[in-house]
């Protein structure tokens, strides 16, 4: 039993205990001190709310909410994403997750924050019961890489070490009704994730942003499109960027291109024509409306990419 059910906010002094909890509950997910610092304590929008419950031996449960700016119909609003919902096996079944979730819900509601989450299949039902709104399936799409069946790309692709105001201007010129606000500050933080390698590009004459990541299991390789957005969602620019991605995949020895792109997205016709097929995953994205008008956001295609998940 937990000696003290008080929920506290963790600080940097708790990093070692957070690492220990994550390694026990999620041994398949690499966890380092630099990762925890980046994810929870070095976000330019502010420190994450890391809710913890302790026993005399250390942390037994945790939920974290990371600050996000979310653009809704041109207005940039305060938001969050919820991650790392975990409880030690010996402490499950005691209502701890419910207690944690209620506290998070209260804090986010009081702050007027729009929140999204990508729960795993084990915790999905609890979010439905708690009144979260199902937005969509995780919109994974795949395209095969063919060695000689694609035409050449035409735009210039400038590989960069850091994003600047050009990236912000591109994002501001995108017509997407809802999505995480992808200004240069956010992009630089997101793609500085420790122990990961991202290839970041500006497209053409400062007309688009592209971030790619190569994955390998030792025998097979695939290329993830973590970010791809262009001014005004110009179909010719999106198509050219996909041709560049295909060429990048060939040069990297990848056999598959993957991305996230919701159904109904402005760029969907280009991806479909290119050969991307959506996978019907049994994983869903949920959101918590902050104001009454947010209920209508369920009917609007959000701009989601793999960059919106802290896993990649």
Foldseek 3Di string as FASTA:
>chain_A
DAPDLDKDFDDLVQLVLVQVQCCQFPVVADDDSLQCCLQAPVQPVGGWRWIFGAHPVGTFWIKIWAWFFKAAQNDTDIATEIDDGDGHPVPPPPCSSVVVVVVVVVVCLVVLHKYKYFDDPVCVVVCVVVPWAFQWFFWKKKFFQDDPDDDAFDKDKAWDDFDDQLALVFQSQEPFRMDTRDGRSNVRSLQVRPPADKTWTQIHPSFWIWIKGWDDPPPAIEIETQDIGGGHLPLSRSLSVVNVVSVVCVVVVHGMYMKTFDPPDPNVVSCVVVGMDTDPDPITMTMDRNDPVCVCVSVGGGGDINSVDSRD
